[in-house]
Amino acid sequence: MENNDLLAAVAAYVVADGHEQELAKSKVKRILNGISSAPPERKRESVEAAIRRVLVELGVPSHVKGYSRLICAIRTLVDDPAVAEAITKGLYPAVAKEFGDTPTRVERTIRHAVELSFERGSFEAINRYFGNTISSNKGKPTNSEFITRLADVVRDGL
């Protein structure tokens, strides 16, 4: 079986199981192409450590549910940037499945964590990570902006 045939077969299976087809295709492509040079366990630990460090700098309280959901969402986006095109329909359901939650609750807990970060966090850290990307009218980024920006920061730092 050729890689493209295998890719289509796996994507069809995963989509039948309720996942987004494009998300499935990109993950399978990465596996088939063997992009990851570090062992998955080591890479996962370093990515999660970087995410935790950034979230702590930004003042996201570790005791709120949104903290763990943000780690999962950012880690997923670092591993597969294509997911950024489907935050609501791809990322939130994937995070919800990992935590046995609903996508709506995941979105809400992340929004709450982002709000707390911008209320309690260090102005210097917020400015360093977000700079001019924050709308002066809103005062804080959307969940999607927050997650994608931090995924970029973590990806660039590895």
N, C-alpha and C. Protein backbone atom coordinates (compact mmCIF):
# COMPACT_ATOMS: atom_id res chain seq x y z
N MET A 1 0.85 -1.18 0.00
CA MET A 1 0.00 0.00 0.00
C MET A 1 0.89 1.24 0.00
N GLU A 2 0.61 2.19 -0.85
CA GLU A 2 1.38 3.43 -0.94
C GLU A 2 1.06 4.36 0.22
N ASN A 3 1.96 5.29 0.49
CA ASN A 3 1.74 6.24 1.59
C ASN A 3 0.43 7.01 1.44
N ASN A 4 0.12 7.47 0.24
CA ASN A 4 -1.12 8.23 0.04
C ASN A 4 -2.35 7.37 0.30
N ASP A 5 -2.29 6.10 -0.12
CA ASP A 5 -3.41 5.19 0.13
C ASP A 5 -3.56 4.93 1.63
N LEU A 6 -2.43 4.72 2.29
CA LEU A 6 -2.45 4.50 3.73
C LEU A 6 -2.97 5.74 4.44
N LEU A 7 -2.51 6.90 4.01
CA LEU A 7 -2.97 8.16 4.58
C LEU A 7 -4.48 8.30 4.46
N ALA A 8 -5.01 8.03 3.28
CA ALA A 8 -6.46 8.13 3.05
C ALA A 8 -7.23 7.13 3.90
N ALA A 9 -6.71 5.91 4.01
CA ALA A 9 -7.39 4.87 4.79
C ALA A 9 -7.44 5.22 6.27
N VAL A 10 -6.31 5.66 6.80
CA VAL A 10 -6.26 6.02 8.22
C VAL A 10 -7.14 7.25 8.48
N ALA A 11 -7.06 8.24 7.62
CA ALA A 11 -7.88 9.44 7.79
C ALA A 11 -9.36 9.09 7.74
N ALA A 12 -9.76 8.21 6.83
CA ALA A 12 -11.17 7.80 6.74
C ALA A 12 -11.60 7.09 8.02
N TYR A 13 -10.73 6.23 8.55
CA TYR A 13 -11.04 5.54 9.80
C TYR A 13 -11.19 6.52 10.95
N VAL A 14 -10.24 7.45 11.06
CA VAL A 14 -10.27 8.41 12.16
C VAL A 14 -11.47 9.34 12.04
N VAL A 15 -11.81 9.76 10.82
CA VAL A 15 -12.96 10.63 10.63
C VAL A 15 -14.23 9.89 11.02
N ALA A 16 -14.30 8.61 10.69
CA ALA A 16 -15.46 7.81 11.08
C ALA A 16 -15.56 7.73 12.59
N ASP A 17 -14.43 7.89 13.26
CA ASP A 17 -14.40 7.84 14.71
C ASP A 17 -14.66 9.21 15.33
N GLY A 18 -14.97 10.22 14.51
CA GLY A 18 -15.37 11.52 15.03
C GLY A 18 -14.32 12.60 15.02
N HIS A 19 -13.16 12.38 14.44
CA HIS A 19 -12.11 13.39 14.40
C HIS A 19 -12.19 14.16 13.09
N GLU A 20 -11.53 15.27 13.05
CA GLU A 20 -11.46 16.07 11.84
C GLU A 20 -10.52 15.42 10.83
N GLN A 21 -10.92 15.37 9.57
CA GLN A 21 -10.14 14.71 8.54
C GLN A 21 -8.79 15.37 8.31
N GLU A 22 -8.76 16.70 8.22
CA GLU A 22 -7.49 17.39 7.96
C GLU A 22 -6.51 17.20 9.12
N LEU A 23 -7.03 17.25 10.33
CA LEU A 23 -6.19 17.03 11.50
C LEU A 23 -5.60 15.63 11.44
N ALA A 24 -6.43 14.65 11.10
CA ALA A 24 -5.97 13.27 11.00
C ALA A 24 -4.92 13.11 9.91
N LYS A 25 -5.16 13.73 8.76
CA LYS A 25 -4.21 13.62 7.66
C LYS A 25 -2.85 14.20 8.04
N SER A 26 -2.86 15.37 8.67
CA SER A 26 -1.58 16.00 9.00
C SER A 26 -0.81 15.18 10.03
N LYS A 27 -1.50 14.58 10.99
CA LYS A 27 -0.82 13.75 11.98
C LYS A 27 -0.24 12.50 11.33
N VAL A 28 -1.00 11.88 10.45
CA VAL A 28 -0.52 10.67 9.78
C VAL A 28 0.67 11.01 8.88
N LYS A 29 0.61 12.16 8.19
CA LYS A 29 1.74 12.57 7.34
C LYS A 29 3.00 12.71 8.16
N ARG A 30 2.88 13.34 9.33
CA ARG A 30 4.04 13.51 10.19
C ARG A 30 4.61 12.17 10.62
N ILE A 31 3.73 11.23 10.93
CA ILE A 31 4.19 9.90 11.35
C ILE A 31 4.89 9.20 10.19
N LEU A 32 4.25 9.24 9.02
CA LEU A 32 4.83 8.58 7.85
C LEU A 32 6.16 9.19 7.44
N ASN A 33 6.28 10.48 7.56
CA ASN A 33 7.50 11.16 7.15
C ASN A 33 8.59 11.11 8.22
N GLY A 34 8.23 10.66 9.41
CA GLY A 34 9.20 10.54 10.49
C GLY A 34 9.84 11.86 10.85
N ILE A 35 9.02 12.93 11.00
CA ILE A 35 9.53 14.26 11.26
C ILE A 35 10.19 14.37 12.63
N SER A 36 9.65 13.71 13.61
CA SER A 36 10.16 13.86 14.96
C SER A 36 11.54 13.22 15.10
N SER A 37 12.54 14.01 15.44
CA SER A 37 13.90 13.50 15.57
C SER A 37 14.18 13.04 17.00
N ALA A 38 13.53 13.66 17.96
CA ALA A 38 13.72 13.27 19.35
C ALA A 38 12.72 12.18 19.70
N PRO A 39 13.06 11.32 20.67
CA PRO A 39 12.07 10.34 21.11
C PRO A 39 10.83 11.08 21.61
N PRO A 40 9.62 10.59 21.30
CA PRO A 40 8.39 11.31 21.67
C PRO A 40 8.31 11.67 23.15
N GLU A 41 8.79 10.77 24.03
CA GLU A 41 8.69 11.05 25.46
C GLU A 41 9.55 12.25 25.84
N ARG A 42 10.80 12.29 25.33
CA ARG A 42 11.68 13.41 25.63
C ARG A 42 11.16 14.71 25.05
N LYS A 43 10.70 14.64 23.80
CA LYS A 43 10.19 15.85 23.15
C LYS A 43 8.97 16.36 23.91
N ARG A 44 8.05 15.47 24.28
CA ARG A 44 6.84 15.86 25.00
C ARG A 44 7.20 16.54 26.31
N GLU A 45 8.17 16.01 27.05
CA GLU A 45 8.54 16.61 28.32
C GLU A 45 9.11 18.01 28.12
N SER A 46 9.95 18.20 27.14
CA SER A 46 10.55 19.52 26.95
C SER A 46 9.50 20.53 26.48
N VAL A 47 8.57 20.08 25.64
CA VAL A 47 7.50 20.97 25.19
C VAL A 47 6.62 21.35 26.36
N GLU A 48 6.22 20.38 27.16
CA GLU A 48 5.36 20.68 28.31
C GLU A 48 6.06 21.57 29.32
N ALA A 49 7.34 21.36 29.54
CA ALA A 49 8.08 22.22 30.47
C ALA A 49 8.12 23.65 29.96
N ALA A 50 8.32 23.82 28.66
CA ALA A 50 8.34 25.17 28.07
C ALA A 50 6.97 25.83 28.18
N ILE A 51 5.93 25.07 27.94
CA ILE A 51 4.57 25.61 28.04
C ILE A 51 4.27 26.05 29.46
N ARG A 52 4.60 25.19 30.42
CA ARG A 52 4.35 25.53 31.83
C ARG A 52 5.11 26.79 32.24
N ARG A 53 6.37 26.89 31.79
CA ARG A 53 7.18 28.07 32.12
C ARG A 53 6.52 29.34 31.59
N VAL A 54 6.05 29.31 30.34
CA VAL A 54 5.43 30.49 29.74
C VAL A 54 4.12 30.82 30.47
N LEU A 55 3.31 29.81 30.77
CA LEU A 55 2.04 30.07 31.46
C LEU A 55 2.27 30.66 32.85
N VAL A 56 3.29 30.17 33.54
CA VAL A 56 3.60 30.72 34.87
C VAL A 56 4.06 32.17 34.74
N GLU A 57 4.91 32.45 33.74
CA GLU A 57 5.35 33.83 33.51
C GLU A 57 4.17 34.76 33.25
N LEU A 58 3.18 34.24 32.52
CA LEU A 58 2.01 35.06 32.17
C LEU A 58 1.00 35.14 33.31
N GLY A 59 1.22 34.41 34.38
CA GLY A 59 0.34 34.49 35.53
C GLY A 59 -0.91 33.65 35.46
N VAL A 60 -0.91 32.61 34.63
CA VAL A 60 -2.07 31.71 34.58
C VAL A 60 -2.01 30.84 35.83
N PRO A 61 -3.02 30.91 36.69
CA PRO A 61 -3.00 30.11 37.92
C PRO A 61 -3.08 28.62 37.60
N SER A 62 -2.21 27.84 38.23
CA SER A 62 -2.15 26.41 37.93
C SER A 62 -3.31 25.63 38.53
N HIS A 63 -4.06 26.23 39.43
CA HIS A 63 -5.16 25.51 40.07
C HIS A 63 -6.47 25.56 39.28
N VAL A 64 -6.55 26.37 38.24
CA VAL A 64 -7.79 26.45 37.47
C VAL A 64 -7.76 25.39 36.36
N LYS A 65 -8.93 24.88 35.99
CA LYS A 65 -9.01 23.85 34.96
C LYS A 65 -8.42 24.30 33.63
N GLY A 66 -8.57 25.57 33.33
CA GLY A 66 -8.06 26.08 32.07
C GLY A 66 -6.57 25.93 31.90
N TYR A 67 -5.83 25.86 33.01
CA TYR A 67 -4.38 25.69 32.95
C TYR A 67 -4.02 24.38 32.27
N SER A 68 -4.59 23.28 32.72
CA SER A 68 -4.29 21.98 32.11
C SER A 68 -4.82 21.89 30.69
N ARG A 69 -5.98 22.52 30.44
CA ARG A 69 -6.54 22.52 29.09
C ARG A 69 -5.67 23.35 28.13
N LEU A 70 -5.12 24.45 28.63
CA LEU A 70 -4.20 25.27 27.82
C LEU A 70 -2.93 24.49 27.49
N ILE A 71 -2.39 23.78 28.46
CA ILE A 71 -1.19 22.98 28.20
C ILE A 71 -1.46 21.99 27.08
N CYS A 72 -2.57 21.29 27.18
CA CYS A 72 -2.93 20.30 26.16
C CYS A 72 -3.14 20.97 24.80
N ALA A 73 -3.85 22.09 24.77
CA ALA A 73 -4.14 22.78 23.51
C ALA A 73 -2.87 23.31 22.86
N ILE A 74 -2.01 23.92 23.65
CA ILE A 74 -0.76 24.49 23.12
C ILE A 74 0.15 23.36 22.64
N ARG A 75 0.24 22.28 23.43
CA ARG A 75 1.06 21.12 23.04
C ARG A 75 0.57 20.54 21.71
N THR A 76 -0.74 20.44 21.56
CA THR A 76 -1.31 19.92 20.32
C THR A 76 -0.94 20.82 19.15
N LEU A 77 -1.02 22.12 19.35
CA LEU A 77 -0.71 23.08 18.29
C LEU A 77 0.79 23.11 17.97
N VAL A 78 1.63 22.92 18.98
CA VAL A 78 3.07 22.86 18.74
C VAL A 78 3.38 21.62 17.89
N ASP A 79 2.74 20.51 18.22
CA ASP A 79 2.96 19.27 17.48
C ASP A 79 2.41 19.34 16.06
N ASP A 80 1.29 20.06 15.88
CA ASP A 80 0.64 20.11 14.57
C ASP A 80 0.04 21.50 14.32
N PRO A 81 0.81 22.42 13.73
CA PRO A 81 0.34 23.78 13.49
C PRO A 81 -0.92 23.87 12.62
N ALA A 82 -1.20 22.85 11.82
CA ALA A 82 -2.38 22.87 10.96
C ALA A 82 -3.68 22.90 11.76
N VAL A 83 -3.63 22.49 13.01
CA VAL A 83 -4.82 22.49 13.86
C VAL A 83 -5.33 23.90 14.10
N ALA A 84 -4.46 24.90 13.95
CA ALA A 84 -4.84 26.30 14.18
C ALA A 84 -5.96 26.74 13.25
N GLU A 85 -6.11 26.05 12.15
CA GLU A 85 -7.18 26.41 11.21
C GLU A 85 -8.55 25.92 11.68
N ALA A 86 -8.56 25.05 12.68
CA ALA A 86 -9.83 24.50 13.16
C ALA A 86 -9.84 24.45 14.68
N ILE A 87 -9.71 25.60 15.32
CA ILE A 87 -9.66 25.64 16.78
C ILE A 87 -10.97 25.11 17.38
N THR A 88 -12.08 25.66 16.93
CA THR A 88 -13.37 25.29 17.51
C THR A 88 -13.80 23.88 17.13
N LYS A 89 -13.59 23.51 15.89
CA LYS A 89 -14.08 22.21 15.43
C LYS A 89 -13.04 21.09 15.54
N GLY A 90 -11.78 21.44 15.74
CA GLY A 90 -10.74 20.41 15.83
C GLY A 90 -10.04 20.37 17.17
N LEU A 91 -9.54 21.52 17.61
CA LEU A 91 -8.74 21.55 18.83
C LEU A 91 -9.57 21.34 20.09
N TYR A 92 -10.63 22.10 20.26
CA TYR A 92 -11.44 21.98 21.47
C TYR A 92 -12.01 20.56 21.65
N PRO A 93 -12.55 19.94 20.59
CA PRO A 93 -13.02 18.55 20.75
C PRO A 93 -11.89 17.58 21.12
N ALA A 94 -10.70 17.78 20.56
CA ALA A 94 -9.57 16.90 20.90
C ALA A 94 -9.18 17.05 22.36
N VAL A 95 -9.12 18.29 22.83
CA VAL A 95 -8.78 18.54 24.24
C VAL A 95 -9.90 18.00 25.14
N ALA A 96 -11.13 18.22 24.74
CA ALA A 96 -12.27 17.73 25.52
C ALA A 96 -12.23 16.21 25.67
N LYS A 97 -11.89 15.54 24.60
CA LYS A 97 -11.83 14.07 24.63
C LYS A 97 -10.75 13.61 25.60
N GLU A 98 -9.61 14.31 25.61
CA GLU A 98 -8.53 13.92 26.51
C GLU A 98 -8.91 14.08 27.98
N PHE A 99 -9.77 15.06 28.28
CA PHE A 99 -10.15 15.33 29.67
C PHE A 99 -11.55 14.82 30.02
N GLY A 100 -12.22 14.15 29.08
CA GLY A 100 -13.57 13.66 29.34
C GLY A 100 -14.53 14.81 29.58
N ASP A 101 -14.41 15.84 28.78
CA ASP A 101 -15.19 17.06 28.94
C ASP A 101 -15.89 17.38 27.63
N THR A 102 -16.57 18.52 27.58
CA THR A 102 -17.21 18.94 26.34
C THR A 102 -16.39 20.07 25.73
N PRO A 103 -16.45 20.24 24.41
CA PRO A 103 -15.72 21.34 23.78
C PRO A 103 -16.13 22.71 24.33
N THR A 104 -17.39 22.88 24.65
CA THR A 104 -17.88 24.15 25.18
C THR A 104 -17.23 24.45 26.53
N ARG A 105 -17.13 23.45 27.38
CA ARG A 105 -16.50 23.65 28.69
C ARG A 105 -15.01 23.93 28.55
N VAL A 106 -14.37 23.24 27.61
CA VAL A 106 -12.95 23.48 27.36
C VAL A 106 -12.74 24.93 26.94
N GLU A 107 -13.57 25.40 26.01
CA GLU A 107 -13.46 26.79 25.55
C GLU A 107 -13.64 27.76 26.72
N ARG A 108 -14.62 27.49 27.56
CA ARG A 108 -14.91 28.38 28.69
C ARG A 108 -13.79 28.38 29.73
N THR A 109 -13.25 27.20 30.04
CA THR A 109 -12.19 27.15 31.05
C THR A 109 -10.91 27.82 30.54
N ILE A 110 -10.64 27.68 29.25
CA ILE A 110 -9.48 28.37 28.67
C ILE A 110 -9.69 29.87 28.69
N ARG A 111 -10.90 30.31 28.33
CA ARG A 111 -11.20 31.75 28.34
C ARG A 111 -11.01 32.32 29.75
N HIS A 112 -11.47 31.57 30.76
CA HIS A 112 -11.32 32.01 32.15
C HIS A 112 -9.83 32.13 32.53
N ALA A 113 -9.02 31.16 32.12
CA ALA A 113 -7.59 31.20 32.42
C ALA A 113 -6.91 32.39 31.73
N VAL A 114 -7.31 32.66 30.49
CA VAL A 114 -6.75 33.81 29.76
C VAL A 114 -7.13 35.12 30.47
N GLU A 115 -8.39 35.21 30.88
CA GLU A 115 -8.84 36.42 31.60
C GLU A 115 -8.04 36.62 32.88
N LEU A 116 -7.85 35.54 33.65
CA LEU A 116 -7.08 35.65 34.90
C LEU A 116 -5.64 36.07 34.62
N SER A 117 -5.08 35.53 33.55
CA SER A 117 -3.72 35.89 33.19
C SER A 117 -3.60 37.39 32.92
N PHE A 118 -4.56 37.95 32.21
CA PHE A 118 -4.48 39.37 31.87
C PHE A 118 -4.91 40.27 33.02
N GLU A 119 -5.61 39.72 34.01
CA GLU A 119 -5.95 40.50 35.20
C GLU A 119 -4.81 40.49 36.21
N ARG A 120 -4.18 39.33 36.39
CA ARG A 120 -3.21 39.15 37.47
C ARG A 120 -1.76 39.06 36.99
N GLY A 121 -1.56 38.82 35.71
CA GLY A 121 -0.23 38.55 35.19
C GLY A 121 0.67 39.78 35.14
N SER A 122 1.92 39.52 34.92
CA SER A 122 2.93 40.56 34.81
C SER A 122 2.78 41.31 33.49
N PHE A 123 2.70 42.63 33.56
CA PHE A 123 2.57 43.45 32.36
C PHE A 123 3.76 43.24 31.44
N GLU A 124 4.96 43.13 32.03
CA GLU A 124 6.16 42.93 31.23
C GLU A 124 6.11 41.63 30.44
N ALA A 125 5.68 40.54 31.10
CA ALA A 125 5.60 39.24 30.42
C ALA A 125 4.54 39.27 29.33
N ILE A 126 3.40 39.87 29.63
CA ILE A 126 2.32 39.96 28.64
C ILE A 126 2.80 40.76 27.43
N ASN A 127 3.46 41.86 27.69
CA ASN A 127 3.99 42.70 26.60
C ASN A 127 5.07 41.97 25.80
N ARG A 128 5.92 41.20 26.50
CA ARG A 128 7.00 40.47 25.83
C ARG A 128 6.43 39.41 24.88
N TYR A 129 5.40 38.69 25.32
CA TYR A 129 4.86 37.62 24.50
C TYR A 129 3.84 38.09 23.47
N PHE A 130 3.10 39.14 23.79
CA PHE A 130 2.02 39.55 22.89
C PHE A 130 2.26 40.89 22.22
N GLY A 131 3.04 41.77 22.83
CA GLY A 131 3.39 43.05 22.22
C GLY A 131 2.24 43.75 21.54
N ASN A 132 2.39 44.04 20.25
CA ASN A 132 1.37 44.77 19.49
C ASN A 132 0.24 43.90 18.98
N THR A 133 0.26 42.63 19.31
CA THR A 133 -0.77 41.74 18.76
C THR A 133 -2.09 41.84 19.50
N ILE A 134 -2.10 42.53 20.64
CA ILE A 134 -3.32 42.64 21.44
C ILE A 134 -4.11 43.86 20.99
N SER A 135 -5.41 43.67 20.80
CA SER A 135 -6.29 44.76 20.43
C SER A 135 -6.44 45.71 21.63
N SER A 136 -6.20 46.98 21.41
CA SER A 136 -6.32 47.95 22.51
C SER A 136 -7.78 48.11 22.94
N ASN A 137 -8.71 47.78 22.07
CA ASN A 137 -10.14 47.87 22.43
C ASN A 137 -10.55 46.75 23.38
N LYS A 138 -10.09 45.55 23.12
CA LYS A 138 -10.47 44.39 23.95
C LYS A 138 -9.62 44.28 25.21
N GLY A 139 -8.34 44.56 25.08
CA GLY A 139 -7.45 44.46 26.22
C GLY A 139 -6.86 43.09 26.45
N LYS A 140 -7.37 42.07 25.81
CA LYS A 140 -6.82 40.72 25.92
C LYS A 140 -7.08 39.99 24.62
N PRO A 141 -6.25 38.98 24.33
CA PRO A 141 -6.46 38.23 23.09
C PRO A 141 -7.61 37.24 23.21
N THR A 142 -8.10 36.79 22.09
CA THR A 142 -9.09 35.71 22.09
C THR A 142 -8.37 34.42 22.48
N ASN A 143 -9.13 33.38 22.77
CA ASN A 143 -8.52 32.09 23.07
C ASN A 143 -7.61 31.65 21.93
N SER A 144 -8.12 31.76 20.71
CA SER A 144 -7.35 31.33 19.55
C SER A 144 -6.05 32.10 19.43
N GLU A 145 -6.11 33.41 19.59
CA GLU A 145 -4.91 34.24 19.52
C GLU A 145 -3.91 33.86 20.62
N PHE A 146 -4.42 33.63 21.82
CA PHE A 146 -3.58 33.27 22.96
C PHE A 146 -2.88 31.94 22.71
N ILE A 147 -3.65 30.94 22.32
CA ILE A 147 -3.11 29.59 22.11
C ILE A 147 -2.12 29.57 20.96
N THR A 148 -2.49 30.17 19.83
CA THR A 148 -1.60 30.13 18.67
C THR A 148 -0.31 30.92 18.92
N ARG A 149 -0.41 32.05 19.59
CA ARG A 149 0.79 32.85 19.88
C ARG A 149 1.73 32.08 20.80
N LEU A 150 1.20 31.46 21.84
CA LEU A 150 2.06 30.72 22.76
C LEU A 150 2.63 29.48 22.11
N ALA A 151 1.88 28.86 21.22
CA ALA A 151 2.41 27.70 20.49
C ALA A 151 3.59 28.15 19.63
N ASP A 152 3.48 29.32 19.00
CA ASP A 152 4.59 29.87 18.21
C ASP A 152 5.80 30.14 19.08
N VAL A 153 5.55 30.72 20.25
CA VAL A 153 6.65 31.05 21.18
C VAL A 153 7.37 29.77 21.61
N VAL A 154 6.59 28.75 21.99
CA VAL A 154 7.18 27.50 22.45
C VAL A 154 7.92 26.80 21.31
N ARG A 155 7.30 26.77 20.13
CA ARG A 155 7.92 26.12 18.98
C ARG A 155 9.25 26.80 18.61
N ASP A 156 9.26 28.13 18.64
CA ASP A 156 10.47 28.88 18.30
C ASP A 156 11.57 28.70 19.34
N GLY A 157 11.15 28.45 20.59
CA GLY A 157 12.12 28.30 21.67
C GLY A 157 12.74 26.93 21.77
N LEU A 158 12.19 25.95 21.05
CA LEU A 158 12.73 24.57 21.16
C LEU A 158 13.85 24.32 20.19
